[in-house]
Protein backbone atom coordinates (compact mmCIF):
# COMPACT_ATOMS: atom_id res chain seq x y z
CA UNK A 1 98.84 48.06 -42.58
CA UNK A 2 95.18 47.08 -43.14
CA UNK A 3 92.45 49.12 -41.46
CA UNK A 4 90.99 47.98 -38.14
CA UNK A 5 87.43 46.92 -37.64
CA UNK A 6 85.62 48.21 -34.55
CA UNK A 7 82.25 47.17 -33.13
CA UNK A 8 80.74 50.23 -31.45
CA UNK A 9 78.68 48.26 -28.94
CA UNK A 10 78.94 46.74 -25.48
CA UNK A 11 76.35 44.10 -26.38
CA UNK A 12 77.73 40.60 -25.84
CA UNK A 13 75.14 39.29 -28.30
CA UNK A 14 76.39 41.53 -31.12
CA UNK A 15 79.96 40.55 -30.33
CA UNK A 16 79.07 36.83 -30.50
CA UNK A 17 77.22 37.28 -33.78
CA UNK A 18 80.04 39.27 -35.37
CA UNK A 19 82.52 36.58 -34.34
CA UNK A 20 80.62 34.22 -36.68
CA UNK A 21 81.96 36.26 -39.63
CA UNK A 22 85.48 35.14 -38.68
CA UNK A 23 87.14 38.56 -38.81
CA UNK A 24 89.33 40.15 -36.16
CA UNK A 25 87.70 43.16 -34.53
CA UNK A 26 87.95 45.43 -31.53
CA UNK A 27 85.06 46.47 -29.28
CA UNK A 28 84.56 50.03 -28.10
CA UNK A 29 81.46 51.34 -26.38
CA UNK A 30 80.21 54.54 -28.00
CA UNK A 31 78.50 56.37 -25.11
CA UNK A 32 76.36 58.02 -27.82
CA UNK A 33 73.16 59.96 -27.13
CA UNK A 34 70.22 57.53 -27.42
CA UNK A 35 67.35 60.02 -27.31
CA UNK A 36 64.93 59.76 -30.21
CA UNK A 37 63.34 62.95 -31.58
CA UNK A 38 59.52 63.00 -31.47
CA UNK A 39 57.85 61.93 -34.71
CA UNK A 40 60.72 59.67 -35.78
CA UNK A 41 59.65 56.44 -37.49
CA UNK A 42 61.05 53.12 -36.22
CA UNK A 43 63.36 52.61 -39.22
CA UNK A 44 64.63 56.19 -38.92
CA UNK A 45 65.10 55.82 -35.15
CA UNK A 46 67.25 52.68 -35.24
CA UNK A 47 69.37 54.04 -38.10
CA UNK A 48 69.81 57.37 -36.29
CA UNK A 49 70.99 55.65 -33.10
CA UNK A 50 73.25 53.23 -35.02
CA UNK A 51 74.79 56.17 -36.89
CA UNK A 52 75.39 58.10 -33.68
CA UNK A 53 77.21 55.10 -32.22
CA UNK A 54 79.36 54.58 -35.31
CA UNK A 55 80.17 58.28 -35.58
CA UNK A 56 81.09 58.57 -31.88
CA UNK A 57 83.60 55.71 -32.13
CA UNK A 58 84.91 56.87 -35.51
CA UNK A 59 86.18 60.02 -33.77
CA UNK A 60 88.71 57.87 -31.91
CA UNK A 61 89.34 55.44 -34.81
CA UNK A 62 89.13 57.55 -37.99
CA UNK A 63 90.94 55.03 -40.20
CA UNK A 64 88.86 52.03 -39.13
CA UNK A 65 85.65 50.44 -40.31
CA UNK A 66 83.20 51.08 -37.47
CA UNK A 67 79.94 49.19 -37.02
CA UNK A 68 77.15 50.63 -34.89
CA UNK A 69 73.79 48.97 -34.27
CA UNK A 70 70.61 49.60 -32.31
CA UNK A 71 67.45 47.58 -31.69
CA UNK A 72 63.95 48.73 -30.79
CA UNK A 73 60.73 46.85 -30.13
CA UNK A 74 57.60 48.57 -31.46
CA UNK A 75 54.10 47.70 -30.28
CA UNK A 76 51.00 49.83 -30.95
CA UNK A 77 53.26 52.54 -32.35
CA UNK A 78 55.18 52.80 -29.06
CA UNK A 79 58.93 52.31 -28.91
CA UNK A 80 59.95 49.86 -26.21
CA UNK A 81 63.60 50.29 -25.37
CA UNK A 82 65.46 48.81 -22.41
CA UNK A 83 63.40 48.81 -19.21
CA UNK A 84 64.72 50.96 -16.38
CA UNK A 85 62.93 49.03 -13.61
CA UNK A 86 61.41 45.60 -13.02
CA UNK A 87 57.98 47.23 -13.00
CA UNK A 88 58.61 48.77 -16.43
CA UNK A 89 59.79 45.37 -17.71
CA UNK A 90 56.58 43.79 -16.41
CA UNK A 91 54.42 46.38 -18.20
CA UNK A 92 56.32 45.87 -21.46
CA UNK A 93 55.95 42.09 -21.36
CA UNK A 94 52.27 42.36 -20.38
CA UNK A 95 51.78 44.62 -23.45
CA UNK A 96 53.48 42.06 -25.73
CA UNK A 97 51.53 39.09 -24.33
CA UNK A 98 49.41 37.31 -26.94
CA UNK A 99 50.26 39.86 -29.61
CA UNK A 100 52.49 40.52 -32.59
CA UNK A 101 55.07 43.29 -32.40
CA UNK A 102 57.90 44.47 -34.63
CA UNK A 103 61.58 44.34 -33.78
CA UNK A 104 63.73 46.82 -35.71
CA UNK A 105 67.51 46.74 -35.82
CA UNK A 106 69.45 49.51 -37.48
CA UNK A 107 73.03 49.10 -38.61
CA UNK A 108 75.48 51.85 -39.54
CA UNK A 109 78.91 51.30 -41.05
CA UNK A 110 81.50 54.09 -41.07
CA UNK A 111 84.31 53.54 -43.54
CA UNK A 112 87.95 54.74 -43.38
CA UNK A 113 87.14 57.05 -46.30
CA UNK A 114 84.64 58.97 -44.19
CA UNK A 115 81.42 57.55 -45.64
CA UNK A 116 78.67 56.18 -43.45
CA UNK A 117 76.04 53.77 -44.71
CA UNK A 118 73.03 52.63 -42.73
CA UNK A 119 70.04 50.33 -43.12
CA UNK A 120 67.25 48.88 -41.00
CA UNK A 121 65.70 45.42 -40.83
CA UNK A 122 62.33 44.49 -39.32
CA UNK A 123 61.12 41.15 -37.96
CA UNK A 124 57.61 40.48 -36.64
CA UNK A 125 57.44 38.47 -33.41
CA UNK A 126 54.27 36.93 -31.97
CA UNK A 127 54.09 35.99 -28.28
CA UNK A 128 51.86 33.39 -26.68
CA UNK A 129 49.52 34.65 -23.94
CA UNK A 130 51.75 35.08 -20.88
CA UNK A 131 50.76 34.41 -17.28
CA UNK A 132 51.73 37.06 -14.74
CA UNK A 133 53.66 34.41 -12.79
CA UNK A 134 55.73 33.54 -15.87
CA UNK A 135 56.51 37.21 -16.48
CA UNK A 136 57.52 37.73 -12.85
CA UNK A 137 59.73 34.62 -12.87
CA UNK A 138 61.42 35.80 -16.06
CA UNK A 139 62.06 39.27 -14.64
CA UNK A 140 63.53 37.68 -11.50
CA UNK A 141 66.31 36.18 -13.67
CA UNK A 142 67.51 39.70 -14.52
CA UNK A 143 67.64 38.81 -18.22
CA UNK A 144 65.15 41.46 -19.44
CA UNK A 145 66.92 44.46 -17.99
CA UNK A 146 69.43 45.21 -20.77
CA UNK A 147 67.22 44.29 -23.73
CA UNK A 148 64.84 46.25 -25.91
CA UNK A 149 61.25 45.26 -25.15
CA UNK A 150 62.41 43.56 -21.93
CA UNK A 151 63.22 40.22 -23.49
CA UNK A 152 65.98 38.27 -25.18
CA UNK A 153 64.70 35.84 -27.79
CA UNK A 154 67.95 33.87 -27.57
CA UNK A 155 67.46 33.34 -23.81
CA UNK A 156 64.61 32.21 -21.58
CA UNK A 157 62.12 34.40 -23.43
CA UNK A 158 62.33 31.89 -26.28
CA UNK A 159 59.55 30.15 -24.33
CA UNK A 160 57.27 33.15 -24.98
CA UNK A 161 57.65 33.14 -28.77
CA UNK A 162 54.87 31.60 -30.84
CA UNK A 163 56.14 32.70 -34.26
CA UNK A 164 58.55 35.04 -36.02
CA UNK A 165 58.44 36.43 -39.55
CA UNK A 166 61.79 37.70 -40.76
CA UNK A 167 65.43 37.38 -39.78
CA UNK A 168 65.83 35.85 -36.31
CA UNK A 169 69.19 37.61 -35.85
CA UNK A 170 67.48 40.99 -36.31
CA UNK A 171 65.65 40.20 -33.07
CA UNK A 172 68.88 39.13 -31.36
CA UNK A 173 70.41 42.50 -32.33
CA UNK A 174 72.39 42.24 -35.56
CA UNK A 175 71.04 41.10 -38.96
CA UNK A 176 74.31 39.37 -39.70
CA UNK A 177 73.85 38.16 -43.28
CA UNK A 178 72.85 41.60 -44.59
CA UNK A 179 75.54 43.28 -42.47
CA UNK A 180 78.26 41.04 -43.94
CA UNK A 181 77.04 41.76 -47.47
CA UNK A 182 77.07 45.52 -46.85
CA UNK A 183 80.57 45.33 -45.36
CA UNK A 184 81.86 43.41 -48.38
CA UNK A 185 80.28 45.97 -50.69
CA UNK A 186 82.13 48.69 -48.75
CA UNK A 187 85.51 46.93 -48.99
CA UNK A 188 85.70 44.91 -45.78
CA UNK A 189 87.55 42.69 -45.25
CA UNK A 190 90.60 43.97 -47.10
CA UNK A 191 92.68 41.24 -48.72
CA UNK A 192 95.35 41.55 -45.99
CA UNK A 193 92.95 40.48 -43.20
């Protein structure tokens, strides 16, 4: 019987992106610790969180390939995760207005053999100047509340984006082309899938 493939994420965006690869997979939320130790760099932070997610799910699926991922927005050296309140979302979007920030996504792949491989990708995103009314209207949709940096580039916040430099899917939450290449290098999919 071929090994299973498990996405260790509740993100519907990651699920939709992974479906583009055409492989069967299961989804299992990791419930991993998402605290970042002080002094951690952005690339280290997203890989650490992705690894925690993959390792947490691997405990329940030791003979599966497990994919964990995490995304952070970084502006002025500050990590902008998911906003906890509408006010926090407003402050994040006000900070990003008219500026360039980096979006980092880390990916970790746990293999049935017990190895875990991780990498991080970075994309620079530049926003137009945003009016307070536009920010408030966007927050009222509820869209920013489960997204790093309080926006989803694939949703209504596409209207805020002036330019990106790098892989668009890194900003969405899963750098798919590199992820697929890493999985193939690690033996997924097996010939039986």
